[in-house]
């Protein structure tokens, strides 16, 4: 089974929910490289902070704001924790 089958999109996390990045989809290589440069890489811990008007998440102590299409390209595994 692939990581994609185990993972879910960042957009599926609830506000305050944490997860671990499994991979970033490479359908847009420039976007994938930019996210990599920002530290959004496999194994990085993320926490969703906001869903509207854009997706804001924390990745290893850095807050990032992205549009829906970018958030959908980030596959995570939820770890069941929430920091609300």
PDB file of N, CA and C in Angstrom:
ATOM      1  N   UNK A   1       0.840  -1.184   0.000  1.00  0.00           N
ATOM      2  CA  UNK A   1       0.000   0.000   0.000  1.00  0.00           C
ATOM      3  C   UNK A   1       0.880   1.240   0.000  1.00  0.00           C
ATOM      4  N   UNK A   2       0.540   2.240  -0.790  1.00  0.00           N
ATOM      5  CA  UNK A   2       1.364   3.442  -0.891  1.00  0.00           C
ATOM      6  C   UNK A   2       1.087   4.399   0.261  1.00  0.00           C
ATOM      7  N   UNK A   3       1.992   5.368   0.444  1.00  0.00           N
ATOM      8  CA  UNK A   3       1.788   6.395   1.469  1.00  0.00           C
ATOM      9  C   UNK A   3       0.515   7.173   1.211  1.00  0.00           C
ATOM     10  N   UNK A   4       0.189   7.380  -0.084  1.00  0.00           N
ATOM     11  CA  UNK A   4      -1.008   8.140  -0.415  1.00  0.00           C
ATOM     12  C   UNK A   4      -2.241   7.456   0.154  1.00  0.00           C
ATOM     13  N   UNK A   5      -2.273   6.129   0.114  1.00  0.00           N
ATOM     14  CA  UNK A   5      -3.430   5.405   0.620  1.00  0.00           C
ATOM     15  C   UNK A   5      -3.521   5.511   2.136  1.00  0.00           C
ATOM     16  N   UNK A   6      -2.401   5.679   2.797  1.00  0.00           N
ATOM     17  CA  UNK A   6      -2.403   5.816   4.245  1.00  0.00           C
ATOM     18  C   UNK A   6      -2.651   7.254   4.670  1.00  0.00           C
ATOM     19  N   UNK A   7      -2.238   8.194   3.849  1.00  0.00           N
ATOM     20  CA  UNK A   7      -2.297   9.596   4.230  1.00  0.00           C
ATOM     21  C   UNK A   7      -3.617  10.252   3.892  1.00  0.00           C
ATOM     22  N   UNK A   8      -3.712  11.468   4.339  1.00  0.00           N
ATOM     23  CA  UNK A   8      -4.858  12.305   4.002  1.00  0.00           C
ATOM     24  C   UNK A   8      -4.334  13.703   3.733  1.00  0.00           C
ATOM     25  N   UNK A   9      -5.145  14.487   3.101  1.00  0.00           N
ATOM     26  CA  UNK A   9      -4.704  15.836   2.737  1.00  0.00           C
ATOM     27  C   UNK A   9      -4.706  16.749   3.969  1.00  0.00           C
ATOM     28  N   UNK A  10      -3.822  17.710   3.955  1.00  0.00           N
ATOM     29  CA  UNK A  10      -3.773  18.690   5.040  1.00  0.00           C
ATOM     30  C   UNK A  10      -5.142  19.346   5.237  1.00  0.00           C
ATOM     31  N   UNK A  11      -5.875  19.500   4.149  1.00  0.00           N
ATOM     32  CA  UNK A  11      -7.194  20.147   4.217  1.00  0.00           C
ATOM     33  C   UNK A  11      -8.195  19.353   5.046  1.00  0.00           C
ATOM     34  N   UNK A  12      -7.911  18.080   5.311  1.00  0.00           N
ATOM     35  CA  UNK A  12      -8.855  17.274   6.086  1.00  0.00           C
ATOM     36  C   UNK A  12      -8.650  17.412   7.599  1.00  0.00           C
ATOM     37  N   UNK A  13      -7.552  18.038   8.014  1.00  0.00           N
ATOM     38  CA  UNK A  13      -7.329  18.241   9.448  1.00  0.00           C
ATOM     39  C   UNK A  13      -8.308  19.275   9.986  1.00  0.00           C
ATOM     40  N   UNK A  14      -8.684  19.111  11.227  1.00  0.00           N
ATOM     41  CA  UNK A  14      -9.489  20.112  11.917  1.00  0.00           C
ATOM     42  C   UNK A  14      -8.550  21.155  12.506  1.00  0.00           C
ATOM     43  N   UNK A  15      -9.052  22.360  12.720  1.00  0.00           N
ATOM     44  CA  UNK A  15      -8.242  23.416  13.332  1.00  0.00           C
ATOM     45  C   UNK A  15      -7.736  22.915  14.688  1.00  0.00           C
ATOM     46  N   UNK A  16      -6.442  23.039  14.895  1.00  0.00           N
ATOM     47  CA  UNK A  16      -5.808  22.583  16.123  1.00  0.00           C
ATOM     48  C   UNK A  16      -5.267  21.170  16.052  1.00  0.00           C
ATOM     49  N   UNK A  17      -5.661  20.422  15.015  1.00  0.00           N
ATOM     50  CA  UNK A  17      -5.206  19.039  14.882  1.00  0.00           C
ATOM     51  C   UNK A  17      -3.793  18.991  14.321  1.00  0.00           C
ATOM     52  N   UNK A  18      -3.023  18.038  14.815  1.00  0.00           N
ATOM     53  CA  UNK A  18      -1.637  17.864  14.393  1.00  0.00           C
ATOM     54  C   UNK A  18      -1.489  16.650  13.496  1.00  0.00           C
ATOM     55  N   UNK A  19      -0.405  16.636  12.761  1.00  0.00           N
ATOM     56  CA  UNK A  19      -0.095  15.501  11.907  1.00  0.00           C
ATOM     57  C   UNK A  19       1.373  15.525  11.529  1.00  0.00           C
ATOM     58  N   UNK A  20       1.752  14.543  10.733  1.00  0.00           N
ATOM     59  CA  UNK A  20       3.122  14.422  10.254  1.00  0.00           C
ATOM     60  C   UNK A  20       3.067  14.333   8.729  1.00  0.00           C
ATOM     61  N   UNK A  21       3.894  15.119   8.062  1.00  0.00           N
ATOM     62  CA  UNK A  21       3.915  15.119   6.601  1.00  0.00           C
ATOM     63  C   UNK A  21       4.423  13.766   6.094  1.00  0.00           C
ATOM     64  N   UNK A  22       3.639  13.154   5.207  1.00  0.00           N
ATOM     65  CA  UNK A  22       4.064  11.917   4.540  1.00  0.00           C
ATOM     66  C   UNK A  22       4.777  12.250   3.245  1.00  0.00           C
ATOM     67  N   UNK A  23       4.182  13.149   2.467  1.00  0.00           N
ATOM     68  CA  UNK A  23       4.803  13.594   1.220  1.00  0.00           C
ATOM     69  C   UNK A  23       4.026  14.772   0.662  1.00  0.00           C
ATOM     70  N   UNK A  24       4.640  15.437  -0.303  1.00  0.00           N
ATOM     71  CA  UNK A  24       4.008  16.528  -1.035  1.00  0.00           C
ATOM     72  C   UNK A  24       3.823  16.040  -2.466  1.00  0.00           C
ATOM     73  N   UNK A  25       2.614  16.152  -2.981  1.00  0.00           N
ATOM     74  CA  UNK A  25       2.353  15.737  -4.353  1.00  0.00           C
ATOM     75  C   UNK A  25       3.198  16.570  -5.306  1.00  0.00           C
ATOM     76  N   UNK A  26       3.713  15.944  -6.336  1.00  0.00           N
ATOM     77  CA  UNK A  26       4.617  16.614  -7.265  1.00  0.00           C
ATOM     78  C   UNK A  26       3.952  16.911  -8.605  1.00  0.00           C
ATOM     79  N   UNK A  27       2.618  17.066  -8.597  1.00  0.00           N
ATOM     80  CA  UNK A  27       1.931  17.423  -9.839  1.00  0.00           C
ATOM     81  C   UNK A  27       2.355  18.809 -10.313  1.00  0.00           C
ATOM     82  N   UNK A  28       2.846  19.621  -9.391  1.00  0.00           N
ATOM     83  CA  UNK A  28       3.386  20.943  -9.698  1.00  0.00           C
ATOM     84  C   UNK A  28       4.791  20.983  -9.080  1.00  0.00           C
ATOM     85  N   UNK A  29       5.825  20.625  -9.843  1.00  0.00           N
ATOM     86  CA  UNK A  29       7.181  20.532  -9.270  1.00  0.00           C
ATOM     87  C   UNK A  29       7.685  21.821  -8.624  1.00  0.00           C
ATOM     88  N   UNK A  30       7.363  22.971  -9.188  1.00  0.00           N
ATOM     89  CA  UNK A  30       7.824  24.241  -8.600  1.00  0.00           C
ATOM     90  C   UNK A  30       7.211  24.437  -7.213  1.00  0.00           C
ATOM     91  N   UNK A  31       5.926  24.116  -7.081  1.00  0.00           N
ATOM     92  CA  UNK A  31       5.257  24.235  -5.778  1.00  0.00           C
ATOM     93  C   UNK A  31       5.882  23.265  -4.790  1.00  0.00           C
ATOM     94  N   UNK A  32       6.135  22.041  -5.224  1.00  0.00           N
ATOM     95  CA  UNK A  32       6.728  21.036  -4.340  1.00  0.00           C
ATOM     96  C   UNK A  32       8.098  21.476  -3.859  1.00  0.00           C
ATOM     97  N   UNK A  33       8.890  22.047  -4.745  1.00  0.00           N
ATOM     98  CA  UNK A  33      10.227  22.525  -4.363  1.00  0.00           C
ATOM     99  C   UNK A  33      10.143  23.699  -3.390  1.00  0.00           C
ATOM    100  N   UNK A  34       9.188  24.585  -3.608  1.00  0.00           N
ATOM    101  CA  UNK A  34       9.014  25.732  -2.701  1.00  0.00           C
ATOM    102  C   UNK A  34       8.625  25.257  -1.302  1.00  0.00           C
ATOM    103  N   UNK A  35       7.706  24.305  -1.231  1.00  0.00           N
ATOM    104  CA  UNK A  35       7.310  23.763   0.073  1.00  0.00           C
ATOM    105  C   UNK A  35       8.490  23.073   0.748  1.00  0.00           C
ATOM    106  N   UNK A  36       9.285  22.355  -0.045  1.00  0.00           N
ATOM    107  CA  UNK A  36      10.470  21.703   0.503  1.00  0.00           C
ATOM    108  C   UNK A  36      11.420  22.737   1.103  1.00  0.00           C
ATOM    109  N   UNK A  37      11.616  23.846   0.401  1.00  0.00           N
ATOM    110  CA  UNK A  37      12.501  24.911   0.886  1.00  0.00           C
ATOM    111  C   UNK A  37      11.980  25.527   2.181  1.00  0.00           C
ATOM    112  N   UNK A  38      10.667  25.478   2.373  1.00  0.00           N
ATOM    113  CA  UNK A  38      10.047  26.029   3.584  1.00  0.00           C
ATOM    114  C   UNK A  38       9.999  25.010   4.722  1.00  0.00           C
ATOM    115  N   UNK A  39      10.500  23.803   4.476  1.00  0.00           N
ATOM    116  CA  UNK A  39      10.554  22.787   5.521  1.00  0.00           C
ATOM    117  C   UNK A  39       9.397  21.814   5.542  1.00  0.00           C
ATOM    118  N   UNK A  40       8.521  21.898   4.548  1.00  0.00           N
ATOM    119  CA  UNK A  40       7.390  20.972   4.472  1.00  0.00           C
ATOM    120  C   UNK A  40       7.904  19.717   3.764  1.00  0.00           C
ATOM    121  N   UNK A  41       8.473  18.821   4.560  1.00  0.00           N
ATOM    122  CA  UNK A  41       9.118  17.618   4.048  1.00  0.00           C
ATOM    123  C   UNK A  41       8.628  16.406   4.847  1.00  0.00           C
ATOM    124  N   UNK A  42       8.786  15.215   4.312  1.00  0.00           N
ATOM    125  CA  UNK A  42       8.358  14.024   5.048  1.00  0.00           C
ATOM    126  C   UNK A  42       8.960  13.984   6.451  1.00  0.00           C
ATOM    127  N   UNK A  43       8.089  13.717   7.417  1.00  0.00           N
ATOM    128  CA  UNK A  43       8.508  13.652   8.808  1.00  0.00           C
ATOM    129  C   UNK A  43       8.290  14.931   9.586  1.00  0.00           C
ATOM    130  N   UNK A  44       8.042  16.040   8.890  1.00  0.00           N
ATOM    131  CA  UNK A  44       7.817  17.315   9.582  1.00  0.00           C
ATOM    132  C   UNK A  44       6.458  17.298  10.285  1.00  0.00           C
ATOM    133  N   UNK A  45       6.433  17.812  11.503  1.00  0.00           N
ATOM    134  CA  UNK A  45       5.162  17.920  12.242  1.00  0.00           C
ATOM    135  C   UNK A  45       4.429  19.183  11.819  1.00  0.00           C
ATOM    136  N   UNK A  46       3.131  19.062  11.634  1.00  0.00           N
ATOM    137  CA  UNK A  46       2.302  20.200  11.259  1.00  0.00           C
ATOM    138  C   UNK A  46       1.102  20.296  12.193  1.00  0.00           C
ATOM    139  N   UNK A  47       0.587  21.514  12.326  1.00  0.00           N
ATOM    140  CA  UNK A  47      -0.635  21.745  13.108  1.00  0.00           C
ATOM    141  C   UNK A  47      -1.447  22.771  12.354  1.00  0.00           C
ATOM    142  N   UNK A  48      -2.698  22.436  12.033  1.00  0.00           N
ATOM    143  CA  UNK A  48      -3.557  23.358  11.305  1.00  0.00           C
ATOM    144  C   UNK A  48      -4.055  24.445  12.253  1.00  0.00           C
ATOM    145  N   UNK A  49      -3.843  25.703  11.865  1.00  0.00           N
ATOM    146  CA  UNK A  49      -4.223  26.837  12.700  1.00  0.00           C
ATOM    147  C   UNK A  49      -5.494  27.531  12.201  1.00  0.00           C
ATOM    148  N   UNK A  50      -5.742  27.489  10.900  1.00  0.00           N
ATOM    149  CA  UNK A  50      -6.858  28.246  10.327  1.00  0.00           C
ATOM    150  C   UNK A  50      -7.240  27.633   8.982  1.00  0.00           C
ATOM    151  N   UNK A  51      -8.549  27.660   8.671  1.00  0.00           N
ATOM    152  CA  UNK A  51      -9.033  27.117   7.405  1.00  0.00           C
ATOM    153  C   UNK A  51      -9.559  28.199   6.467  1.00  0.00           C
ATOM    154  N   UNK A  52      -9.905  29.357   7.014  1.00  0.00           N
ATOM    155  CA  UNK A  52     -10.517  30.413   6.202  1.00  0.00           C
ATOM    156  C   UNK A  52      -9.980  31.759   6.641  1.00  0.00           C
ATOM    157  N   UNK A  53      -9.676  32.647   5.703  1.00  0.00           N
ATOM    158  CA  UNK A  53      -9.905  32.600   4.261  1.00  0.00           C
ATOM    159  C   UNK A  53      -8.874  31.763   3.514  1.00  0.00           C
ATOM    160  N   UNK A  54      -7.771  31.450   4.145  1.00  0.00           N
ATOM    161  CA  UNK A  54      -6.763  30.563   3.550  1.00  0.00           C
ATOM    162  C   UNK A  54      -6.353  29.559   4.605  1.00  0.00           C
ATOM    163  N   UNK A  55      -5.596  28.573   4.214  1.00  0.00           N
ATOM    164  CA  UNK A  55      -5.112  27.570   5.160  1.00  0.00           C
ATOM    165  C   UNK A  55      -3.821  28.075   5.783  1.00  0.00           C
ATOM    166  N   UNK A  56      -3.814  28.137   7.107  1.00  0.00           N
ATOM    167  CA  UNK A  56      -2.620  28.536   7.844  1.00  0.00           C
ATOM    168  C   UNK A  56      -2.247  27.348   8.725  1.00  0.00           C
ATOM    169  N   UNK A  57      -0.991  26.951   8.622  1.00  0.00           N
ATOM    170  CA  UNK A  57      -0.533  25.834   9.441  1.00  0.00           C
ATOM    171  C   UNK A  57       0.859  26.113   9.953  1.00  0.00           C
ATOM    172  N   UNK A  58       1.169  25.465  11.046  1.00  0.00           N
ATOM    173  CA  UNK A  58       2.507  25.562  11.621  1.00  0.00           C
ATOM    174  C   UNK A  58       3.269  24.315  11.213  1.00  0.00           C
ATOM    175  N   UNK A  59       4.482  24.520  10.750  1.00  0.00           N
ATOM    176  CA  UNK A  59       5.358  23.416  10.362  1.00  0.00           C
ATOM    177  C   UNK A  59       6.692  23.631  11.057  1.00  0.00           C
ATOM    178  N   UNK A  60       6.965  22.795  12.036  1.00  0.00           N
ATOM    179  CA  UNK A  60       8.215  22.917  12.788  1.00  0.00           C
ATOM    180  C   UNK A  60       8.493  24.356  13.217  1.00  0.00           C
ATOM    181  N   UNK A  61       7.544  24.963  13.895  1.00  0.00           N
ATOM    182  CA  UNK A  61       7.632  26.297  14.509  1.00  0.00           C
ATOM    183  C   UNK A  61       7.587  27.453  13.516  1.00  0.00           C
ATOM    184  N   UNK A  62       7.217  27.199  12.260  1.00  0.00           N
ATOM    185  CA  UNK A  62       7.059  28.259  11.272  1.00  0.00           C
ATOM    186  C   UNK A  62       5.614  28.263  10.812  1.00  0.00           C
ATOM    187  N   UNK A  63       4.967  29.435  10.845  1.00  0.00           N
ATOM    188  CA  UNK A  63       3.596  29.545  10.357  1.00  0.00           C
ATOM    189  C   UNK A  63       3.603  29.829   8.866  1.00  0.00           C
ATOM    190  N   UNK A  64       2.824  29.044   8.128  1.00  0.00           N
ATOM    191  CA  UNK A  64       2.725  29.196   6.681  1.00  0.00           C
ATOM    192  C   UNK A  64       1.266  29.386   6.293  1.00  0.00           C
ATOM    193  N   UNK A  65       1.011  30.310   5.381  1.00  0.00           N
ATOM    194  CA  UNK A  65      -0.331  30.543   4.848  1.00  0.00           C
ATOM    195  C   UNK A  65      -0.321  30.141   3.385  1.00  0.00           C
ATOM    196  N   UNK A  66      -1.246  29.257   3.005  1.00  0.00           N
ATOM    197  CA  UNK A  66      -1.285  28.752   1.633  1.00  0.00           C
ATOM    198  C   UNK A  66      -2.725  28.713   1.142  1.00  0.00           C
ATOM    199  N   UNK A  67      -2.862  28.677  -0.172  1.00  0.00           N
ATOM    200  CA  UNK A  67      -4.196  28.565  -0.742  1.00  0.00           C
ATOM    201  C   UNK A  67      -4.624  27.099  -0.754  1.00  0.00           C
ATOM    202  N   UNK A  68      -5.895  26.879  -1.025  1.00  0.00           N
ATOM    203  CA  UNK A  68      -6.477  25.543  -0.994  1.00  0.00           C
ATOM    204  C   UNK A  68      -5.704  24.538  -1.843  1.00  0.00           C
ATOM    205  N   UNK A  69      -5.343  24.905  -3.067  1.00  0.00           N
ATOM    206  CA  UNK A  69      -4.660  23.952  -3.956  1.00  0.00           C
ATOM    207  C   UNK A  69      -3.322  23.499  -3.387  1.00  0.00           C
ATOM    208  N   UNK A  70      -2.638  24.376  -2.687  1.00  0.00           N
ATOM    209  CA  UNK A  70      -1.352  24.014  -2.072  1.00  0.00           C
ATOM    210  C   UNK A  70      -1.597  23.095  -0.869  1.00  0.00           C
ATOM    211  N   UNK A  71      -2.567  23.449  -0.035  1.00  0.00           N
ATOM    212  CA  UNK A  71      -2.877  22.633   1.147  1.00  0.00           C
ATOM    213  C   UNK A  71      -3.305  21.230   0.740  1.00  0.00           C
ATOM    214  N   UNK A  72      -4.012  21.105  -0.379  1.00  0.00           N
ATOM    215  CA  UNK A  72      -4.465  19.790  -0.851  1.00  0.00           C
ATOM    216  C   UNK A  72      -3.304  18.928  -1.339  1.00  0.00           C
ATOM    217  N   UNK A  73      -2.189  19.537  -1.686  1.00  0.00           N
ATOM    218  CA  UNK A  73      -1.027  18.796  -2.195  1.00  0.00           C
ATOM    219  C   UNK A  73      -0.154  18.233  -1.076  1.00  0.00           C
ATOM    220  N   UNK A  74      -0.457  18.590   0.167  1.00  0.00           N
ATOM    221  CA  UNK A  74       0.336  18.131   1.309  1.00  0.00           C
ATOM    222  C   UNK A  74      -0.388  16.951   1.949  1.00  0.00           C
ATOM    223  N   UNK A  75       0.241  15.785   1.909  1.00  0.00           N
ATOM    224  CA  UNK A  75      -0.354  14.584   2.494  1.00  0.00           C
ATOM    225  C   UNK A  75       0.235  14.351   3.878  1.00  0.00           C
ATOM    226  N   UNK A  76      -0.657  14.148   4.827  1.00  0.00           N
ATOM    227  CA  UNK A  76      -0.241  13.988   6.222  1.00  0.00           C
ATOM    228  C   UNK A  76      -0.850  12.729   6.812  1.00  0.00           C
ATOM    229  N   UNK A  77      -0.269  12.344   7.906  1.00  0.00           N
ATOM    230  CA  UNK A  77      -0.837  11.278   8.726  1.00  0.00           C
ATOM    231  C   UNK A  77      -1.189  11.957  10.044  1.00  0.00           C
ATOM    232  N   UNK A  78      -2.471  11.968  10.378  1.00  0.00           N
ATOM    233  CA  UNK A  78      -2.893  12.572  11.644  1.00  0.00           C
ATOM    234  C   UNK A  78      -2.344  11.788  12.797  1.00  0.00           C
ATOM    235  N   UNK A  79      -1.914  12.495  13.833  1.00  0.00           N
ATOM    236  CA  UNK A  79      -1.378  11.763  14.997  1.00  0.00           C
ATOM    237  C   UNK A  79      -2.374  11.750  16.149  1.00  0.00           C
ATOM    238  N   UNK A  80      -3.587  12.269  15.887  1.00  0.00           N
ATOM    239  CA  UNK A  80      -4.633  12.199  16.889  1.00  0.00           C
ATOM    240  C   UNK A  80      -4.531  13.233  17.992  1.00  0.00           C
ATOM    241  N   UNK A  81      -3.542  14.120  17.913  1.00  0.00           N
ATOM    242  CA  UNK A  81      -3.424  15.123  18.959  1.00  0.00           C
ATOM    243  C   UNK A  81      -4.003  16.449  18.496  1.00  0.00           C
ATOM    244  N   UNK A  82      -4.390  17.226  19.478  1.00  0.00           N
ATOM    245  CA  UNK A  82      -4.958  18.534  19.213  1.00  0.00           C
ATOM    246  C   UNK A  82      -4.448  19.488  20.273  1.00  0.00           C
ATOM    247  N   UNK A  83      -4.076  20.670  19.855  1.00  0.00           N
ATOM    248  CA  UNK A  83      -3.561  21.681  20.792  1.00  0.00           C
ATOM    249  C   UNK A  83      -4.514  22.851  20.863  1.00  0.00           C
ATOM    250  N   UNK A  84      -5.764  22.612  21.082  1.00  0.00           N
ATOM    251  CA  UNK A  84      -6.753  23.695  21.150  1.00  0.00           C
ATOM    252  C   UNK A  84      -6.700  24.385  22.473  1.00  0.00           C
TER     253      UNK A  84
END
